[in-house]
Protein backbone atom coordinates (compact mmCIF):
# COMPACT_ATOMS: atom_id res chain seq x y z
CA UNK A 1 -101.00 -7.16 90.60
CA UNK A 2 -97.54 -7.72 92.48
CA UNK A 3 -97.21 -7.09 95.91
CA UNK A 4 -96.18 -3.06 96.35
CA UNK A 5 -92.96 -2.38 97.69
CA UNK A 6 -92.96 -1.55 101.23
CA UNK A 7 -90.55 1.38 100.75
CA UNK A 8 -92.93 3.38 98.70
CA UNK A 9 -94.88 4.03 102.10
CA UNK A 10 -91.82 5.53 102.91
CA UNK A 11 -91.13 7.62 100.02
CA UNK A 12 -94.79 8.76 100.19
CA UNK A 13 -94.17 9.91 103.62
CA UNK A 14 -91.14 11.74 102.72
CA UNK A 15 -93.19 13.70 99.71
CA UNK A 16 -95.98 14.56 102.27
CA UNK A 17 -93.10 16.08 104.66
CA UNK A 18 -91.63 17.95 101.92
CA UNK A 19 -95.07 19.57 100.91
CA UNK A 20 -96.06 20.25 104.58
CA UNK A 21 -92.64 22.19 105.07
CA UNK A 22 -92.91 24.17 102.06
CA UNK A 23 -96.73 25.23 103.06
CA UNK A 24 -95.56 26.04 106.49
CA UNK A 25 -92.90 28.48 105.28
CA UNK A 26 -95.21 30.00 102.83
CA UNK A 27 -97.61 30.80 105.28
CA UNK A 28 -95.17 32.04 108.22
CA UNK A 29 -92.93 33.29 105.68
CA UNK A 30 -89.93 32.30 108.22
CA UNK A 31 -88.07 31.01 105.49
CA UNK A 32 -87.63 32.00 101.55
CA UNK A 33 -88.70 29.65 98.96
CA UNK A 34 -87.24 29.23 95.43
CA UNK A 35 -88.60 27.60 92.94
CA UNK A 36 -86.17 25.44 90.60
CA UNK A 37 -86.89 23.63 87.43
CA UNK A 38 -86.41 19.69 87.67
CA UNK A 39 -83.09 19.65 86.76
CA UNK A 40 -81.82 23.04 87.79
CA UNK A 41 -78.73 24.16 90.25
CA UNK A 42 -80.93 23.17 93.56
CA UNK A 43 -77.46 22.52 95.23
CA UNK A 44 -76.42 26.18 94.99
CA UNK A 45 -80.40 27.06 96.12
CA UNK A 46 -80.05 24.89 99.50
CA UNK A 47 -76.52 26.17 100.60
CA UNK A 48 -77.72 29.56 100.69
CA UNK A 49 -80.58 28.59 102.68
CA UNK A 50 -83.51 28.28 100.45
CA UNK A 51 -86.44 25.93 100.41
CA UNK A 52 -86.91 24.57 96.97
CA UNK A 53 -90.40 23.80 95.07
CA UNK A 54 -90.43 22.12 91.65
CA UNK A 55 -93.46 23.02 89.41
CA UNK A 56 -92.74 20.01 87.20
CA UNK A 57 -93.32 17.57 89.69
CA UNK A 58 -96.73 19.86 90.57
CA UNK A 59 -97.57 19.38 86.96
CA UNK A 60 -96.96 15.51 87.14
CA UNK A 61 -99.37 15.42 90.14
CA UNK A 62 -101.86 17.34 87.78
CA UNK A 63 -101.41 14.47 85.01
CA UNK A 64 -101.67 11.76 87.63
CA UNK A 65 -104.79 13.32 89.25
CA UNK A 66 -106.49 13.54 85.44
CA UNK A 67 -107.09 17.20 86.35
CA UNK A 68 -105.01 18.78 83.48
CA UNK A 69 -107.48 18.55 80.68
CA UNK A 70 -109.82 20.68 82.63
CA UNK A 71 -107.44 23.31 83.31
CA UNK A 72 -105.30 23.56 79.94
CA UNK A 73 -108.24 25.59 78.38
CA UNK A 74 -107.65 28.56 80.88
CA UNK A 75 -104.15 28.79 79.74
CA UNK A 76 -104.98 28.76 76.38
CA UNK A 77 -107.66 31.57 76.85
CA UNK A 78 -104.32 33.26 78.43
CA UNK A 79 -102.46 33.08 75.13
CA UNK A 80 -100.60 29.76 75.64
CA UNK A 81 -100.81 27.48 72.63
CA UNK A 82 -102.46 23.94 72.98
CA UNK A 83 -99.42 22.65 71.12
CA UNK A 84 -96.88 23.89 73.85
CA UNK A 85 -96.06 21.91 76.90
CA UNK A 86 -99.05 20.68 78.63
CA UNK A 87 -96.73 20.88 82.06
CA UNK A 88 -96.95 24.78 81.57
CA UNK A 89 -100.42 24.71 80.44
CA UNK A 90 -102.03 22.40 82.92
CA UNK A 91 -99.67 24.05 86.05
CA UNK A 92 -100.87 27.80 84.55
CA UNK A 93 -104.32 26.65 84.02
CA UNK A 94 -104.66 25.73 87.66
CA UNK A 95 -103.06 28.87 89.01
CA UNK A 96 -105.88 30.95 87.01
CA UNK A 97 -108.17 28.63 88.49
CA UNK A 98 -107.13 28.37 91.99
CA UNK A 99 -106.68 24.80 91.98
CA UNK A 100 -104.15 22.46 93.21
CA UNK A 101 -103.75 18.34 93.65
CA UNK A 102 -101.88 19.04 96.79
CA UNK A 103 -105.17 19.85 98.64
CA UNK A 104 -106.24 16.38 97.89
CA UNK A 105 -103.14 14.29 98.39
CA UNK A 106 -102.03 16.55 101.40
CA UNK A 107 -105.27 17.39 103.55
CA UNK A 108 -104.69 21.18 104.82
CA UNK A 109 -102.35 22.35 101.91
CA UNK A 110 -104.81 24.88 99.97
CA UNK A 111 -102.51 26.43 97.46
CA UNK A 112 -98.96 26.07 96.04
CA UNK A 113 -96.05 27.91 97.93
CA UNK A 114 -95.39 31.27 97.18
CA UNK A 115 -91.85 32.26 95.36
CA UNK A 116 -89.29 34.50 96.50
CA UNK A 117 -87.46 33.81 93.31
CA UNK A 118 -87.81 31.30 90.24
CA UNK A 119 -84.63 29.76 89.14
CA UNK A 120 -84.87 27.87 85.99
CA UNK A 121 -82.44 25.68 83.64
CA UNK A 122 -83.46 24.98 79.86
CA UNK A 123 -81.53 21.90 79.77
CA UNK A 124 -85.08 19.99 80.18
CA UNK A 125 -86.78 22.34 77.73
CA UNK A 126 -86.80 26.10 76.96
CA UNK A 127 -90.82 26.11 77.85
CA UNK A 128 -89.54 26.45 81.64
CA UNK A 129 -88.32 30.03 81.04
CA UNK A 130 -91.74 30.97 79.48
CA UNK A 131 -93.32 28.90 82.51
CA UNK A 132 -91.55 30.51 85.22
CA UNK A 133 -91.59 34.17 83.58
CA UNK A 134 -95.33 33.96 84.07
CA UNK A 135 -95.00 33.26 87.74
CA UNK A 136 -92.37 35.92 88.33
CA UNK A 137 -94.87 38.29 86.94
CA UNK A 138 -97.55 36.75 88.91
CA UNK A 139 -95.44 36.61 92.18
CA UNK A 140 -93.69 39.81 91.28
CA UNK A 141 -90.89 37.70 92.23
CA UNK A 142 -87.38 37.83 90.56
CA UNK A 143 -86.26 35.62 87.71
CA UNK A 144 -82.78 33.69 87.43
CA UNK A 145 -81.65 31.79 84.72
CA UNK A 146 -79.49 29.40 82.81
CA UNK A 147 -79.32 29.00 78.87
CA UNK A 148 -77.90 25.44 77.88
CA UNK A 149 -76.60 23.85 74.93
CA UNK A 150 -78.37 22.00 72.68
CA UNK A 151 -77.54 18.74 70.46
CA UNK A 152 -74.42 18.01 72.44
CA UNK A 153 -72.06 15.35 71.07
CA UNK A 154 -69.37 15.34 73.37
CA UNK A 155 -69.51 17.47 76.76
CA UNK A 156 -66.49 19.54 76.27
CA UNK A 157 -64.21 21.93 78.53
CA UNK A 158 -65.85 24.87 76.67
CA UNK A 159 -69.18 23.63 77.58
CA UNK A 160 -68.49 23.06 81.12
CA UNK A 161 -66.90 26.38 81.90
CA UNK A 162 -69.63 28.33 79.90
CA UNK A 163 -72.29 26.95 82.16
CA UNK A 164 -70.16 26.85 85.32
CA UNK A 165 -69.92 30.87 84.66
CA UNK A 166 -73.57 31.14 84.38
CA UNK A 167 -74.25 29.41 87.65
CA UNK A 168 -71.43 31.41 89.44
CA UNK A 169 -73.22 34.47 88.04
CA UNK A 170 -76.58 33.54 89.81
CA UNK A 171 -74.76 33.66 93.25
CA UNK A 172 -74.73 37.40 94.10
CA UNK A 173 -78.17 37.97 93.27
CA UNK A 174 -79.55 34.79 95.18
CA UNK A 175 -77.46 36.00 98.16
CA UNK A 176 -79.19 39.25 97.97
CA UNK A 177 -82.55 37.71 97.79
CA UNK A 178 -81.66 35.34 100.75
CA UNK A 179 -80.08 37.88 102.66
CA UNK A 180 -77.24 35.39 103.54
CA UNK A 181 -73.93 34.33 101.90
CA UNK A 182 -73.31 30.94 100.09
CA UNK A 183 -71.11 28.57 102.29
CA UNK A 184 -68.62 27.05 100.27
CA UNK A 185 -68.31 24.12 102.80
CA UNK A 186 -71.91 23.71 102.94
CA UNK A 187 -72.29 23.50 98.76
CA UNK A 188 -69.61 21.04 98.84
CA UNK A 189 -71.38 18.89 101.40
CA UNK A 190 -74.69 19.13 99.51
CA UNK A 191 -72.95 18.21 96.10
CA UNK A 192 -71.83 15.11 98.05
CA UNK A 193 -75.22 14.34 99.18
CA UNK A 194 -76.71 14.88 95.62
CA UNK A 195 -74.20 12.54 94.47
CA UNK A 196 -74.75 9.85 96.93
CA UNK A 197 -78.49 10.01 96.03
CA UNK A 198 -77.64 9.98 92.26
CA UNK A 199 -75.72 6.56 92.89
CA UNK A 200 -77.88 5.09 94.97
CA UNK A 201 -80.87 6.00 92.55
CA UNK A 202 -78.74 4.58 89.79
CA UNK A 203 -78.36 1.28 91.77
CA UNK A 204 -81.96 0.96 92.38
CA UNK A 205 -82.75 1.44 88.47
CA UNK A 206 -79.92 -1.02 87.75
CA UNK A 207 -81.62 -3.53 89.57
CA UNK A 208 -84.17 -4.24 87.06
CA UNK A 209 -81.53 -5.72 84.87
CA UNK A 210 -82.36 -8.99 87.06
CA UNK A 211 -84.34 -11.60 85.84
CA UNK A 212 -87.27 -11.38 86.76
CA UNK A 213 -87.06 -7.56 87.16
CA UNK A 214 -88.02 -6.51 90.67
CA UNK A 215 -89.21 -3.41 89.54
CA UNK A 216 -90.87 -1.81 86.44
CA UNK A 217 -90.87 1.68 84.70
CA UNK A 218 -94.24 2.43 86.30
CA UNK A 219 -93.13 1.77 89.49
CA UNK A 220 -89.90 3.88 89.25
CA UNK A 221 -92.06 6.90 88.07
CA UNK A 222 -93.65 7.14 91.43
CA UNK A 223 -90.31 6.31 93.49
CA UNK A 224 -88.27 8.88 91.71
CA UNK A 225 -90.02 11.85 93.71
CA UNK A 226 -87.39 11.99 96.27
CA UNK A 227 -84.36 12.00 93.70
CA UNK A 228 -86.16 15.05 92.15
CA UNK A 229 -87.29 17.34 95.14
CA UNK A 230 -84.97 16.11 97.90
CA UNK A 231 -81.68 15.58 96.45
CA UNK A 232 -78.94 17.21 98.48
CA UNK A 233 -80.36 16.09 101.60
CA UNK A 234 -79.40 13.27 103.76
CA UNK A 235 -83.09 12.10 104.11
CA UNK A 236 -83.18 10.86 100.95
CA UNK A 237 -80.28 8.63 100.91
CA UNK A 238 -81.67 6.55 103.74
CA UNK A 239 -84.81 6.38 101.86
CA UNK A 240 -82.76 4.66 98.50
CA UNK A 241 -80.56 2.73 100.83
CA UNK A 242 -84.05 0.75 102.11
CA UNK A 243 -85.25 0.86 98.74
CA UNK A 244 -81.99 -0.82 97.24
CA UNK A 245 -82.19 -3.44 100.10
CA UNK A 246 -85.85 -4.23 99.19
CA UNK A 247 -85.19 -4.62 95.44
CA UNK A 248 -82.20 -6.96 96.32
CA UNK A 249 -84.57 -8.96 98.78
CA UNK A 250 -86.75 -9.23 95.60
CA UNK A 251 -83.98 -10.54 93.37
CA UNK A 252 -82.77 -13.23 95.91
CA UNK A 253 -86.48 -14.41 95.88
CA UNK A 254 -86.71 -14.20 92.28
CA UNK A 255 -89.54 -12.14 92.57
CA UNK A 256 -90.68 -10.07 89.67
CA UNK A 257 -92.68 -7.00 89.44
CA UNK A 258 -95.38 -8.33 87.60
CA UNK A 259 -97.73 -11.23 88.11
CA UNK A 260 -96.88 -14.20 86.23
CA UNK A 261 -94.08 -15.04 84.04
CA UNK A 262 -91.88 -12.22 82.72
CA UNK A 263 -92.04 -13.29 79.19
CA UNK A 264 -90.78 -9.80 77.49
CA UNK A 265 -88.74 -7.03 78.52
CA UNK A 266 -89.36 -3.89 77.08
CA UNK A 267 -87.67 -0.40 77.15
CA UNK A 268 -89.60 3.02 77.44
CA UNK A 269 -88.32 5.82 75.77
CA UNK A 270 -89.81 9.07 76.48
CA UNK A 271 -92.30 10.95 78.83
CA UNK A 272 -94.69 8.78 81.05
CA UNK A 273 -98.54 9.22 80.29
CA UNK A 274 -98.90 10.49 83.98
CA UNK A 275 -102.83 9.98 84.04
CA UNK A 276 -102.54 6.20 82.63
CA UNK A 277 -99.60 4.79 84.92
CA UNK A 278 -101.86 2.34 86.41
CA UNK A 279 -103.49 1.53 83.00
CA UNK A 280 -100.47 1.21 81.19
CA UNK A 281 -98.73 -1.11 84.03
CA UNK A 282 -101.64 -3.39 83.71
CA UNK A 283 -101.85 -3.50 80.13
CA UNK A 284 -98.18 -4.45 79.78
CA UNK A 285 -97.96 -6.85 83.01
CA UNK A 286 -101.24 -8.67 81.80
CA UNK A 287 -99.49 -9.14 78.64
CA UNK A 288 -96.34 -10.84 80.34
CA UNK A 289 -94.32 -7.67 79.44
CA UNK A 290 -92.00 -6.10 82.14
CA UNK A 291 -91.29 -2.54 81.16
CA UNK A 292 -87.96 -2.49 82.93
CA UNK A 293 -86.28 0.56 82.03
CA UNK A 294 -86.38 4.03 80.46
CA UNK A 295 -84.42 7.11 79.58
CA UNK A 296 -86.76 9.40 81.79
CA UNK A 297 -86.18 7.83 84.90
CA UNK A 298 -82.43 7.63 84.60
CA UNK A 299 -82.69 11.77 83.91
CA UNK A 300 -81.74 12.00 88.05
CA UNK A 301 -78.41 10.33 87.86
CA UNK A 302 -75.65 12.88 87.81
CA UNK A 303 -72.57 10.77 88.07
CA UNK A 304 -69.99 14.04 87.28
CA UNK A 305 -71.04 15.75 90.49
CA UNK A 306 -67.97 15.98 92.49
CA UNK A 307 -67.68 17.98 95.95
CA UNK A 308 -63.82 18.88 95.16
CA UNK A 309 -64.85 20.70 92.23
CA UNK A 310 -68.33 22.53 92.74
CA UNK A 311 -69.24 24.75 90.00
CA UNK A 312 -67.62 22.79 87.16
CA UNK A 313 -68.95 19.17 88.11
CA UNK A 314 -72.49 20.76 88.52
CA UNK A 315 -72.16 22.50 85.29
CA UNK A 316 -71.24 19.04 83.51
CA UNK A 317 -73.65 17.05 85.41
CA UNK A 318 -76.21 19.29 84.30
CA UNK A 319 -75.09 19.20 80.70
CA UNK A 320 -74.65 15.35 80.31
CA UNK A 321 -78.53 15.21 80.37
CA UNK A 322 -79.95 12.91 77.75
CA UNK A 323 -82.33 16.05 76.77
CA UNK A 324 -79.91 18.08 75.54
CA UNK A 325 -77.48 15.32 73.68
CA UNK A 326 -76.87 14.75 69.76
CA UNK A 327 -79.20 11.84 68.10
CA UNK A 328 -75.75 9.85 68.01
CA UNK A 329 -75.14 10.20 71.45
CA UNK A 330 -78.85 9.09 72.37
CA UNK A 331 -78.72 6.31 69.69
CA UNK A 332 -75.67 5.21 71.52
CA UNK A 333 -76.94 5.33 75.12
CA UNK A 334 -80.07 3.76 74.13
CA UNK A 335 -78.33 0.90 72.27
CA UNK A 336 -76.02 0.24 75.40
CA UNK A 337 -79.25 0.19 77.88
CA UNK A 338 -80.97 -2.13 75.47
CA UNK A 339 -78.23 -4.74 75.73
CA UNK A 340 -77.76 -3.89 79.50
CA UNK A 341 -81.31 -4.73 80.48
CA UNK A 342 -81.44 -7.43 77.84
CA UNK A 343 -84.69 -5.99 76.41
CA UNK A 344 -86.65 -7.73 73.61
CA UNK A 345 -88.73 -4.61 72.33
CA UNK A 346 -88.62 -0.65 72.80
CA UNK A 347 -91.71 1.38 73.30
CA UNK A 348 -91.41 5.30 72.31
CA UNK A 349 -93.95 7.57 73.60
CA UNK A 350 -94.48 10.44 70.88
CA UNK A 351 -95.71 12.84 73.21
CA UNK A 352 -97.63 15.50 71.46
CA UNK A 353 -96.81 18.80 73.60
CA UNK A 354 -93.38 17.69 74.33
CA UNK A 355 -91.10 17.49 71.34
CA UNK A 356 -87.61 17.78 72.99
CA UNK A 357 -88.39 14.42 74.87
CA UNK A 358 -90.09 12.57 71.97
CA UNK A 359 -87.31 11.08 70.37
CA UNK A 360 -88.88 9.19 67.27
CA UNK A 361 -89.94 12.20 64.88
CA UNK A 362 -86.57 12.00 62.87
CA UNK A 363 -85.97 8.20 62.20
CA UNK A 364 -84.16 7.20 65.24
CA UNK A 365 -86.74 4.28 66.10
CA UNK A 366 -85.79 3.28 62.48
CA UNK A 367 -82.37 3.48 62.74
CA UNK A 368 -82.02 1.82 66.08
CA UNK A 369 -84.18 -1.26 64.93
CA UNK A 370 -82.49 -1.75 62.05
CA UNK A 371 -79.14 -1.54 64.06
CA UNK A 372 -80.08 -3.85 66.74
CA UNK A 373 -82.63 -5.82 65.40
CA UNK A 374 -85.06 -5.13 68.47
CA UNK A 375 -88.71 -4.50 67.50
CA UNK A 376 -89.89 -0.91 68.12
CA UNK A 377 -93.49 0.65 68.90
CA UNK A 378 -94.35 4.02 68.88
CA UNK A 379 -97.61 5.23 70.54
CA UNK A 380 -98.96 8.68 70.28
CA UNK A 381 -100.05 10.41 73.46
CA UNK A 382 -99.02 13.13 75.82
CA UNK A 383 -97.50 13.55 79.41
CA UNK A 384 -100.77 15.40 80.65
CA UNK A 385 -103.36 16.13 78.24
CA UNK A 386 -105.36 12.89 77.98
CA UNK A 387 -107.45 14.61 75.16
CA UNK A 388 -104.35 13.47 72.89
CA UNK A 389 -104.37 9.90 73.63
CA UNK A 390 -106.61 6.80 72.46
CA UNK A 391 -106.64 4.22 75.26
CA UNK A 392 -108.53 1.77 72.77
CA UNK A 393 -105.55 2.61 69.97
CA UNK A 394 -102.84 2.19 72.43
CA UNK A 395 -104.21 -1.13 73.71
CA UNK A 396 -104.50 -2.53 70.14
CA UNK A 397 -101.04 -1.25 69.15
CA UNK A 398 -99.45 -2.95 72.49
CA UNK A 399 -101.28 -6.27 71.95
CA UNK A 400 -100.20 -6.45 68.22
CA UNK A 401 -96.58 -5.54 69.36
CA UNK A 402 -96.31 -8.21 71.75
CA UNK A 403 -97.82 -10.77 69.30
CA UNK A 404 -95.01 -9.35 67.12
CA UNK A 405 -92.52 -10.27 69.64
CA UNK A 406 -94.05 -13.70 70.22
CA UNK A 407 -93.86 -14.75 66.43
CA UNK A 408 -90.10 -13.34 66.45
CA UNK A 409 -89.04 -15.19 69.44
CA UNK A 410 -91.98 -17.16 71.10
CA UNK A 411 -91.72 -18.12 74.73
CA UNK A 412 -89.08 -20.71 74.38
CA UNK A 413 -86.88 -18.55 72.13
CA UNK A 414 -86.71 -15.26 74.46
CA UNK A 415 -83.43 -14.85 75.71
CA UNK A 416 -82.79 -14.73 79.64
CA UNK A 417 -81.88 -11.42 80.91
CA UNK A 418 -80.04 -10.88 84.32
CA UNK A 419 -78.46 -13.40 86.72
CA UNK A 420 -81.86 -14.69 88.23
CA UNK A 421 -80.59 -14.34 91.77
CA UNK A 422 -78.40 -13.45 94.27
CA UNK A 423 -77.58 -9.72 95.65
CA UNK A 424 -77.29 -7.64 92.89
CA UNK A 425 -74.41 -5.31 92.46
CA UNK A 426 -75.25 -4.41 88.76
CA UNK A 427 -74.29 -0.94 87.72
CA UNK A 428 -74.98 0.86 84.42
CA UNK A 429 -72.05 0.75 81.92
CA UNK A 430 -69.62 3.38 82.12
CA UNK A 431 -70.57 6.77 80.21
CA UNK A 432 -74.13 6.32 81.10
CA UNK A 433 -74.73 9.53 82.87
CA UNK A 434 -77.52 11.59 81.73
């Protein structure tokens, strides 16, 4: 395998500090803790003084540690279907069984942090509402939520004003729980920090347009943690500056993220298979295929955030999310990314328990292939439940797909993507906010 990015160690240290701070606050009860969905209004929570905890990040850890399959049956026994989000069922199952991957990853942490309030946004999916409702009863803690729009073609002022109003209506109950008022100047400052984090994360992901790519999708899934849990803080900005510098150094040295020649460039559409990140990274890398970009990791690019218009810009940023957009928008977005990253193929992950983030079920893969001529592969699996994935079938499908690319282009016929040297100032095409 290629040498690990040095900044990954700094990011791991940031995540450790983040969880230890939450654990101390949960034990001492000196700070109020708000649970927040991963694309929820964390800027509001920070400006009122809450520490924030993201259950989706915890569930991804359950998947990465391959604990989910042993936990999901406990949630099923409590009445949660095996067909619904395995983030939800794995996390609830872990709580029922009294276990957490945090205790192995961060010695001394024995349990997840308590919740003083739970705040969700259904822009990722409706399941977060049911997920947070279960914990609201468990902790006897208030539940505050936002209902987003679905299948949005163009984000209009009507969409923005309705979401902004829901955000503003959150403020008073959150102030009451926190025991302090929202500081508008602080909110503007935090939104500015979130926007800077977003811009840097966008530049880091865009660096993969260089050839050879300095990072892969599988790298990005582990590097994105601070963009999820730490946006709105200054520390993440320093981290992503360091990461961008290191990626640019790789580009200047023409150093790729996979061993050997980068023969093919692949786009990944859908959720990761958390328990198979390493296996999938090796599978593609050994075949000379760099999975250079994804819709998933770009979820935390919020180009609409503007400190001058706090609620309106947050509403727009969280409504531009890829997951809530129409199929027409999604297809246009993916076409632009395929061109930008000069991809030779696209892999769709059809995640059994995540229909909202599986975009290959209604003909999109066939339509895009017909429009672009870029071959597509669908693999069946799940984000957390490894009982729903066949490793042998995946391996056979991927190997056959690479053979298809070889037949279509051959190594000599492959397009040569990116600039291949020099410091990267690559940015996403305009309109690329998700």
